[in-house]
C-alpha atoms as a PDB file:
ATOM      1  CA  GLY A   1      -3.783 -22.329  61.677  1.00  0.00           C
ATOM      2  CA  GLY A   2      -3.339 -24.515  64.714  1.00  0.00           C
ATOM      3  CA  SER A   3      -2.166 -28.074  65.161  1.00  0.00           C
ATOM      4  CA  TYR A   4      -3.726 -31.523  65.126  1.00  0.00           C
ATOM      5  CA  GLU A   5      -3.590 -31.518  68.917  1.00  0.00           C
ATOM      6  CA  ASP A   6      -5.562 -28.245  68.961  1.00  0.00           C
ATOM      7  CA  LEU A   7      -8.167 -29.848  66.723  1.00  0.00           C
ATOM      8  CA  VAL A   8      -8.527 -32.982  68.877  1.00  0.00           C
ATOM      9  CA  LYS A   9      -8.885 -30.893  72.030  1.00  0.00           C
ATOM     10  CA  ALA A  10     -11.523 -28.649  70.426  1.00  0.00           C
ATOM     11  CA  VAL A  11     -13.447 -31.683  69.147  1.00  0.00           C
ATOM     12  CA  LYS A  12     -13.618 -33.239  72.619  1.00  0.00           C
ATOM     13  CA  GLU A  13     -14.772 -29.948  74.152  1.00  0.00           C
ATOM     14  CA  THR A  14     -17.482 -29.540  71.512  1.00  0.00           C
ATOM     15  CA  GLU A  15     -18.733 -33.117  71.828  1.00  0.00           C
ATOM     16  CA  THR A  16     -19.058 -32.676  75.598  1.00  0.00           C
ATOM     17  CA  ALA A  17     -20.818 -29.326  75.276  1.00  0.00           C
ATOM     18  CA  THR A  18     -23.236 -30.261  72.479  1.00  0.00           C
ATOM     19  CA  GLY A  19     -23.833 -34.015  72.692  1.00  0.00           C
ATOM     20  CA  THR A  20     -22.967 -34.422  68.998  1.00  0.00           C
ATOM     21  CA  VAL A  21     -20.564 -37.010  67.557  1.00  0.00           C
ATOM     22  CA  ILE A  22     -17.534 -35.617  65.728  1.00  0.00           C
ATOM     23  CA  THR A  23     -15.112 -37.608  63.596  1.00  0.00           C
ATOM     24  CA  ILE A  24     -11.730 -36.575  62.174  1.00  0.00           C
ATOM     25  CA  THR A  25     -10.444 -38.146  58.957  1.00  0.00           C
ATOM     26  CA  ARG A  26      -7.001 -37.464  57.526  1.00  0.00           C
ATOM     27  CA  GLU A  27      -7.103 -36.748  53.774  1.00  0.00           C
ATOM     28  CA  GLU A  28      -3.563 -37.505  52.633  1.00  0.00           C
ATOM     29  CA  GLU A  29      -3.864 -36.200  49.061  1.00  0.00           C
ATOM     30  CA  LYS A  30      -5.199 -32.801  50.131  1.00  0.00           C
ATOM     31  CA  GLU A  31      -2.931 -32.656  53.181  1.00  0.00           C
ATOM     32  CA  CYS A  32      -5.803 -31.738  55.443  1.00  0.00           C
ATOM     33  CA  PHE A  33      -8.314 -33.148  57.916  1.00  0.00           C
ATOM     34  CA  LEU A  34     -12.014 -33.697  57.226  1.00  0.00           C
ATOM     35  CA  VAL A  35     -14.144 -33.012  60.293  1.00  0.00           C
ATOM     36  CA  SER A  36     -17.709 -34.363  60.328  1.00  0.00           C
ATOM     37  CA  VAL A  37     -20.267 -33.346  62.957  1.00  0.00           C
ATOM     38  CA  SER A  38     -23.308 -35.593  63.417  1.00  0.00           C
ATOM     39  CA  GLY A  39     -26.304 -34.342  65.367  1.00  0.00           C
ATOM     40  CA  LYS A  40     -29.836 -35.656  65.694  1.00  0.00           C
ATOM     41  CA  THR A  41     -32.592 -35.152  63.136  1.00  0.00           C
ATOM     42  CA  GLY A  42     -35.444 -32.921  64.246  1.00  0.00           C
ATOM     43  CA  HIS A  43     -38.448 -31.385  62.496  1.00  0.00           C
ATOM     44  CA  ALA A  44     -37.792 -27.724  61.668  1.00  0.00           C
ATOM     45  CA  ALA A  45     -41.007 -26.833  63.509  1.00  0.00           C
ATOM     46  CA  HIS A  46     -39.591 -28.493  66.650  1.00  0.00           C
ATOM     47  CA  PRO A  47     -35.831 -27.851  66.502  1.00  0.00           C
ATOM     48  CA  TYR A  48     -35.495 -28.347  70.249  1.00  0.00           C
ATOM     49  CA  ASN A  49     -36.147 -32.078  69.723  1.00  0.00           C
ATOM     50  CA  GLY A  50     -32.972 -32.456  67.661  1.00  0.00           C
ATOM     51  CA  LEU A  51     -29.275 -31.642  67.865  1.00  0.00           C
ATOM     52  CA  ASN A  52     -28.167 -29.177  65.204  1.00  0.00           C
ATOM     53  CA  GLY A  53     -24.919 -30.497  63.753  1.00  0.00           C
ATOM     54  CA  LEU A  54     -24.368 -27.271  61.827  1.00  0.00           C
ATOM     55  CA  THR A  55     -24.446 -24.893  64.791  1.00  0.00           C
ATOM     56  CA  ALA A  56     -22.373 -27.436  66.743  1.00  0.00           C
ATOM     57  CA  ALA A  57     -19.787 -27.285  63.929  1.00  0.00           C
ATOM     58  CA  LEU A  58     -19.752 -23.500  64.236  1.00  0.00           C
ATOM     59  CA  SER A  59     -19.200 -23.891  67.979  1.00  0.00           C
ATOM     60  CA  LEU A  60     -16.190 -26.062  67.168  1.00  0.00           C
ATOM     61  CA  LEU A  61     -14.781 -23.450  64.798  1.00  0.00           C
ATOM     62  CA  GLU A  62     -15.186 -20.786  67.474  1.00  0.00           C
ATOM     63  CA  ILE A  63     -12.638 -22.446  69.752  1.00  0.00           C
ATOM     64  CA  LEU A  64     -10.143 -23.337  67.030  1.00  0.00           C
ATOM     65  CA  PRO A  65      -7.182 -20.999  66.416  1.00  0.00           C
ATOM     66  CA  LEU A  66      -8.308 -20.048  62.896  1.00  0.00           C
ATOM     67  CA  CYS A  67      -6.494 -17.544  60.712  1.00  0.00           C
ATOM     68  CA  ASN A  68      -7.665 -13.963  61.062  1.00  0.00           C
ATOM     69  CA  ARG A  69      -9.004 -13.644  57.509  1.00  0.00           C
ATOM     70  CA  ASP A  70     -12.142 -12.005  56.130  1.00  0.00           C
ATOM     71  CA  GLY A  71     -13.718 -15.308  55.159  1.00  0.00           C
ATOM     72  CA  GLU A  72     -13.251 -17.007  58.512  1.00  0.00           C
ATOM     73  CA  ASN A  73     -14.408 -13.910  60.392  1.00  0.00           C
ATOM     74  CA  ALA A  74     -17.580 -13.729  58.289  1.00  0.00           C
ATOM     75  CA  LEU A  75     -18.233 -17.427  58.856  1.00  0.00           C
ATOM     76  CA  LEU A  76     -17.809 -17.150  62.618  1.00  0.00           C
ATOM     77  CA  SER A  77     -20.148 -14.154  62.764  1.00  0.00           C
ATOM     78  CA  ALA A  78     -22.985 -16.613  62.020  1.00  0.00           C
ATOM     79  CA  THR A  79     -22.508 -18.022  65.533  1.00  0.00           C
ATOM     80  CA  ARG A  80     -23.586 -14.661  66.900  1.00  0.00           C
ATOM     81  CA  PHE A  81     -27.023 -15.014  65.355  1.00  0.00           C
ATOM     82  CA  TRP A  82     -27.486 -18.791  65.621  1.00  0.00           C
ATOM     83  CA  PRO A  83     -25.654 -20.091  68.692  1.00  0.00           C
ATOM     84  CA  PHE A  84     -26.033 -23.773  69.507  1.00  0.00           C
ATOM     85  CA  GLU A  85     -29.389 -24.579  71.160  1.00  0.00           C
ATOM     86  CA  ASP A  86     -30.908 -21.150  70.492  1.00  0.00           C
ATOM     87  CA  HIS A  87     -34.157 -22.484  69.003  1.00  0.00           C
ATOM     88  CA  ASN A  88     -36.262 -19.337  69.347  1.00  0.00           C
ATOM     89  CA  GLY A  89     -34.331 -16.522  67.655  1.00  0.00           C
ATOM     90  CA  ARG A  90     -33.225 -15.125  70.994  1.00  0.00           C
ATOM     91  CA  ALA A  91     -29.836 -13.978  69.700  1.00  0.00           C
ATOM     92  CA  LEU A  92     -31.592 -12.041  66.922  1.00  0.00           C
ATOM     93  CA  GLY A  93     -34.035 -10.494  69.374  1.00  0.00           C
ATOM     94  CA  VAL A  94     -37.122 -12.100  67.832  1.00  0.00           C
ATOM     95  CA  ASP A  95     -38.044 -14.722  70.445  1.00  0.00           C
ATOM     96  CA  TYR A  96     -41.739 -13.855  70.325  1.00  0.00           C
ATOM     97  CA  ARG A  97     -44.593 -15.913  71.740  1.00  0.00           C
ATOM     98  CA  ASP A  98     -48.300 -15.529  72.367  1.00  0.00           C
ATOM     99  CA  GLU A  99     -51.025 -17.527  74.065  1.00  0.00           C
ATOM    100  CA  GLU A 100     -52.861 -18.522  70.878  1.00  0.00           C
ATOM    101  CA  SER A 101     -49.969 -19.836  68.796  1.00  0.00           C
ATOM    102  CA  GLY A 102     -47.054 -20.460  71.148  1.00  0.00           C
ATOM    103  CA  GLU A 103     -43.428 -19.514  70.607  1.00  0.00           C
ATOM    104  CA  LEU A 104     -41.369 -18.657  67.550  1.00  0.00           C
ATOM    105  CA  THR A 105     -38.897 -21.314  66.396  1.00  0.00           C
ATOM    106  CA  MET A 106     -35.800 -20.776  64.300  1.00  0.00           C
ATOM    107  CA  SER A 107     -32.977 -23.003  63.089  1.00  0.00           C
ATOM    108  CA  LEU A 108     -29.941 -22.537  60.864  1.00  0.00           C
ATOM    109  CA  ASP A 109     -30.138 -25.558  58.544  1.00  0.00           C
ATOM    110  CA  ILE A 110     -27.826 -25.040  55.565  1.00  0.00           C
ATOM    111  CA  LEU A 111     -24.512 -23.204  55.294  1.00  0.00           C
ATOM    112  CA  HIS A 112     -22.080 -23.140  52.371  1.00  0.00           C
ATOM    113  CA  TYR A 113     -18.621 -21.622  52.747  1.00  0.00           C
ATOM    114  CA  GLU A 114     -15.874 -21.692  50.151  1.00  0.00           C
ATOM    115  CA  VAL A 115     -12.569 -19.810  50.077  1.00  0.00           C
ATOM    116  CA  LYS A 116     -11.697 -18.533  46.620  1.00  0.00           C
ATOM    117  CA  ASN A 117      -8.089 -17.450  47.171  1.00  0.00           C
ATOM    118  CA  ALA A 118      -5.179 -18.196  49.508  1.00  0.00           C
ATOM    119  CA  GLN A 119      -5.493 -14.863  51.300  1.00  0.00           C
ATOM    120  CA  GLY A 120      -9.101 -15.538  52.257  1.00  0.00           C
ATOM    121  CA  THR A 121     -10.196 -12.142  50.956  1.00  0.00           C
ATOM    122  CA  GLU A 122     -12.362 -13.757  48.269  1.00  0.00           C
ATOM    123  CA  TYR A 123     -14.919 -16.227  49.542  1.00  0.00           C
ATOM    124  CA  GLU A 124     -18.488 -17.411  49.145  1.00  0.00           C
ATOM    125  CA  LEU A 125     -20.772 -17.684  52.162  1.00  0.00           C
ATOM    126  CA  SER A 126     -24.490 -18.444  51.924  1.00  0.00           C
ATOM    127  CA  GLY A 127     -27.059 -20.280  53.972  1.00  0.00           C
ATOM    128  CA  CYS A 128     -30.695 -20.917  54.806  1.00  0.00           C
ATOM    129  CA  PHE A 129     -32.503 -20.663  58.105  1.00  0.00           C
ATOM    130  CA  ASP A 130     -36.017 -21.778  58.955  1.00  0.00           C
ATOM    131  CA  CYS A 131     -38.437 -19.713  61.036  1.00  0.00           C
ATOM    132  CA  ARG A 132     -41.970 -20.577  62.217  1.00  0.00           C
ATOM    133  CA  ALA A 133     -43.634 -17.464  63.620  1.00  0.00           C
ATOM    134  CA  PRO A 134     -46.532 -16.917  66.057  1.00  0.00           C
ATOM    135  CA  ILE A 135     -49.485 -14.645  65.348  1.00  0.00           C
ATOM    136  CA  CYS A 136     -47.862 -11.643  67.054  1.00  0.00           C
ATOM    137  CA  ALA A 137     -44.975 -11.621  64.544  1.00  0.00           C
ATOM    138  CA  ASN A 138     -45.129  -9.557  61.356  1.00  0.00           C
ATOM    139  CA  ASP A 139     -42.877  -8.217  58.642  1.00  0.00           C
ATOM    140  CA  GLU A 140     -41.819  -5.198  60.666  1.00  0.00           C
ATOM    141  CA  ASN A 141     -40.950  -6.850  63.980  1.00  0.00           C
ATOM    142  CA  LEU A 142     -39.609 -10.074  62.430  1.00  0.00           C
ATOM    143  CA  THR A 143     -38.571  -9.950  58.761  1.00  0.00           C
ATOM    144  CA  GLU A 144     -37.234  -6.405  58.783  1.00  0.00           C
ATOM    145  CA  LYS A 145     -35.655  -6.735  62.223  1.00  0.00           C
ATOM    146  CA  VAL A 146     -33.723  -9.859  61.171  1.00  0.00           C
ATOM    147  CA  ARG A 147     -32.789  -8.171  57.894  1.00  0.00           C
ATOM    148  CA  ARG A 148     -31.347  -5.176  59.767  1.00  0.00           C
ATOM    149  CA  GLU A 149     -29.402  -7.364  62.201  1.00  0.00           C
ATOM    150  CA  LEU A 150     -27.868  -9.380  59.356  1.00  0.00           C
ATOM    151  CA  SER A 151     -27.202  -6.296  57.248  1.00  0.00           C
ATOM    152  CA  ASP A 152     -25.209  -4.697  60.069  1.00  0.00           C
ATOM    153  CA  ALA A 153     -22.961  -7.778  59.961  1.00  0.00           C
ATOM    154  CA  GLY A 154     -22.554  -7.606  56.176  1.00  0.00           C
ATOM    155  CA  PHE A 155     -25.169 -10.208  55.180  1.00  0.00           C
ATOM    156  CA  ASP A 156     -28.015  -9.834  52.682  1.00  0.00           C
ATOM    157  CA  MET A 157     -31.342 -11.593  53.308  1.00  0.00           C
ATOM    158  CA  GLU A 158     -33.148 -12.678  50.162  1.00  0.00           C
ATOM    159  CA  GLN A 159     -36.697 -13.230  51.420  1.00  0.00           C
ATOM    160  CA  ASP A 160     -38.844 -10.116  51.057  1.00  0.00           C
ATOM    161  CA  ALA A 161     -41.753 -10.975  53.331  1.00  0.00           C
ATOM    162  CA  MET A 162     -42.965 -13.642  55.716  1.00  0.00           C
ATOM    163  CA  THR A 163     -45.713 -16.060  54.726  1.00  0.00           C
ATOM    164  CA  PRO A 164     -48.936 -14.946  56.467  1.00  0.00           C
ATOM    165  CA  VAL A 165     -49.734 -16.881  59.624  1.00  0.00           C
ATOM    166  CA  HIS A 166     -52.630 -19.332  59.170  1.00  0.00           C
ATOM    167  CA  TYR A 167     -54.985 -19.149  62.135  1.00  0.00           C
ATOM    168  CA  VAL A 168     -58.521 -20.417  62.788  1.00  0.00           C
ATOM    169  CA  PRO A 169     -60.100 -19.437  66.149  1.00  0.00           C
ATOM    170  CA  ALA A 170     -60.573 -22.261  68.652  1.00  0.00           C
ATOM    171  CA  ASP A 171     -64.201 -21.257  69.241  1.00  0.00           C
ATOM    172  CA  SER A 172     -65.153 -21.526  65.556  1.00  0.00           C
ATOM    173  CA  GLU A 173     -67.931 -23.956  64.640  1.00  0.00           C
ATOM    174  CA  LEU A 174     -65.541 -26.091  62.564  1.00  0.00           C
ATOM    175  CA  VAL A 175     -63.030 -26.589  65.381  1.00  0.00           C
ATOM    176  CA  GLN A 176     -65.707 -27.235  67.987  1.00  0.00           C
ATOM    177  CA  LYS A 177     -67.411 -29.920  65.890  1.00  0.00           C
ATOM    178  CA  LEU A 178     -64.096 -31.634  65.200  1.00  0.00           C
ATOM    179  CA  LEU A 179     -63.336 -31.660  68.916  1.00  0.00           C
ATOM    180  CA  GLU A 180     -66.724 -33.239  69.607  1.00  0.00           C
ATOM    181  CA  SER A 181     -65.856 -36.143  67.304  1.00  0.00           C
ATOM    182  CA  TYR A 182     -62.472 -36.547  68.970  1.00  0.00           C
ATOM    183  CA  GLU A 183     -64.031 -36.601  72.441  1.00  0.00           C
ATOM    184  CA  VAL A 184     -66.527 -39.332  71.504  1.00  0.00           C
ATOM    185  CA  TYR A 185     -63.812 -41.808  70.567  1.00  0.00           C
ATOM    186  CA  PHE A 186     -61.041 -40.841  72.997  1.00  0.00           C
ATOM    187  CA  GLN A 187     -63.384 -40.312  75.944  1.00  0.00           C
ATOM    188  CA  LYS A 188     -61.568 -37.208  77.149  1.00  0.00           C
ATOM    189  CA  LYS A 189     -61.776 -33.479  76.684  1.00  0.00           C
ATOM    190  CA  GLY A 190     -60.224 -32.314  73.433  1.00  0.00           C
ATOM    191  CA  LYS A 191     -58.245 -29.130  72.927  1.00  0.00           C
ATOM    192  CA  PRO A 192     -56.987 -27.399  69.767  1.00  0.00           C
ATOM    193  CA  ILE A 193     -53.253 -26.885  69.411  1.00  0.00           C
ATOM    194  CA  ALA A 194     -51.071 -24.594  67.308  1.00  0.00           C
ATOM    195  CA  ILE A 195     -48.116 -26.061  65.408  1.00  0.00           C
ATOM    196  CA  GLY A 196     -45.329 -24.635  63.299  1.00  0.00           C
ATOM    197  CA  GLY A 197     -45.648 -27.325  60.624  1.00  0.00           C
ATOM    198  CA  GLY A 198     -46.609 -26.415  57.080  1.00  0.00           C
ATOM    199  CA  THR A 199     -49.713 -28.582  56.644  1.00  0.00           C
ATOM    200  CA  TYR A 200     -52.123 -29.113  53.760  1.00  0.00           C
ATOM    201  CA  VAL A 201     -54.552 -26.404  54.955  1.00  0.00           C
ATOM    202  CA  HIS A 202     -52.619 -23.214  54.254  1.00  0.00           C
ATOM    203  CA  GLY A 203     -54.515 -22.752  51.007  1.00  0.00           C
ATOM    204  CA  LEU A 204     -57.872 -22.990  52.789  1.00  0.00           C
ATOM    205  CA  LYS A 205     -59.046 -19.819  54.507  1.00  0.00           C
ATOM    206  CA  ARG A 206     -60.744 -21.645  57.398  1.00  0.00           C
ATOM    207  CA  GLY A 207     -59.032 -25.026  57.151  1.00  0.00           C
ATOM    208  CA  VAL A 208     -57.455 -26.871  60.066  1.00  0.00           C
ATOM    209  CA  ALA A 209     -55.317 -30.019  60.190  1.00  0.00           C
ATOM    210  CA  PHE A 210     -57.183 -32.866  61.917  1.00  0.00           C
ATOM    211  CA  GLY A 211     -55.839 -36.364  62.913  1.00  0.00           C
ATOM    212  CA  CYS A 212     -54.206 -38.899  62.955  1.00  0.00           C
ATOM    213  CA  ALA A 213     -51.777 -38.546  65.847  1.00  0.00           C
ATOM    214  CA  GLU A 214     -52.007 -39.415  69.515  1.00  0.00           C
ATOM    215  CA  GLU A 215     -51.145 -36.798  72.072  1.00  0.00           C
ATOM    216  CA  ASP A 216     -47.832 -37.455  73.851  1.00  0.00           C
ATOM    217  CA  VAL A 217     -46.788 -40.129  71.316  1.00  0.00           C
ATOM    218  CA  ASP A 218     -43.621 -39.391  69.333  1.00  0.00           C
ATOM    219  CA  ASN A 219     -44.269 -40.762  65.837  1.00  0.00           C
ATOM    220  CA  ARG A 220     -40.746 -39.648  64.792  1.00  0.00           C
ATOM    221  CA  MET A 221     -42.277 -37.436  62.119  1.00  0.00           C
ATOM    222  CA  HIS A 222     -39.976 -37.000  59.095  1.00  0.00           C
ATOM    223  CA  GLY A 223     -37.270 -38.881  60.996  1.00  0.00           C
ATOM    224  CA  ASP A 224     -35.792 -42.371  61.151  1.00  0.00           C
ATOM    225  CA  ASP A 225     -38.348 -45.163  61.736  1.00  0.00           C
ATOM    226  CA  GLU A 226     -41.404 -42.919  61.422  1.00  0.00           C
ATOM    227  CA  PHE A 227     -44.454 -44.986  62.407  1.00  0.00           C
ATOM    228  CA  MET A 228     -48.192 -44.979  63.066  1.00  0.00           C
ATOM    229  CA  LYS A 229     -50.164 -47.457  65.186  1.00  0.00           C
ATOM    230  CA  LEU A 230     -52.750 -49.412  63.206  1.00  0.00           C
ATOM    231  CA  SER A 231     -55.209 -49.037  66.075  1.00  0.00           C
ATOM    232  CA  ILE A 232     -54.963 -45.250  65.802  1.00  0.00           C
ATOM    233  CA  LEU A 233     -55.488 -45.360  62.031  1.00  0.00           C
ATOM    234  CA  VAL A 234     -58.668 -47.384  62.540  1.00  0.00           C
ATOM    235  CA  LYS A 235     -59.867 -45.051  65.298  1.00  0.00           C
ATOM    236  CA  SER A 236     -59.039 -42.028  63.134  1.00  0.00           C
ATOM    237  CA  ALA A 237     -61.180 -43.402  60.304  1.00  0.00           C
ATOM    238  CA  LYS A 238     -64.127 -43.628  62.707  1.00  0.00           C
ATOM    239  CA  ILE A 239     -63.485 -40.090  63.969  1.00  0.00           C
ATOM    240  CA  PHE A 240     -63.293 -38.738  60.408  1.00  0.00           C
ATOM    241  CA  ALA A 241     -66.602 -40.373  59.510  1.00  0.00           C
ATOM    242  CA  ASP A 242     -68.202 -38.955  62.655  1.00  0.00           C
ATOM    243  CA  ALA A 243     -66.798 -35.489  61.919  1.00  0.00           C
ATOM    244  CA  ILE A 244     -68.124 -35.527  58.336  1.00  0.00           C
ATOM    245  CA  LEU A 245     -71.606 -36.388  59.589  1.00  0.00           C
ATOM    246  CA  ARG A 246     -71.485 -33.569  62.180  1.00  0.00           C
ATOM    247  CA  LEU A 247     -70.252 -30.992  59.672  1.00  0.00           C
ATOM    248  CA  CYS A 248     -72.688 -31.982  56.921  1.00  0.00           C
ATOM    249  CA  GLY A 249     -75.689 -32.569  59.165  1.00  0.00           C
END
């Protein structure tokens, strides 16, 4: 449905509203247009630092005069649960947060949609979303709540349970000794932080991730031009050695 002019107008509106870059390519053989939406890469634990090209694409589809078919209607229903720039599961009613571990983050990262027949009554729609939950979240108030919300809209959720939250108290001996080593070499008060990243310590009951990043420095983790200062690597080596001596002493 709709015309090329409708498409161009919707693209301009979406670019202005989302900050993404959208290109239109005419595919002569298929007699259609290919629309590509480019956002900005962001770590799934910090989705607010990126621009989600997928949810921006859904925003574009929302304002296009699409055919009223089952497939398109099912696809557009995803915008209800993952609107552009909703990074905390607010639309699903799971925007939890607590003092110890911060706020829940959620992002829709993969979506596959394919129409199987001309009427649009047969289609395939599947996707994946990422969620990093605070301590106050559990299977009942998060997993099952999201499952019920999606089920009411005709979706099935495959995951049965959430991965248990990994938490080590800030006042534990391990954390306090690590902070002491940090304070010696940075000459300022250290503080533990909670992150949504899946680090190497989840298999250790009392393990914590330690080093090698500077506070307030964007190392572009998992993104383009990821980097680390050599001076910080050298300082980190000294801090690690100091921490080992404190913990083994």
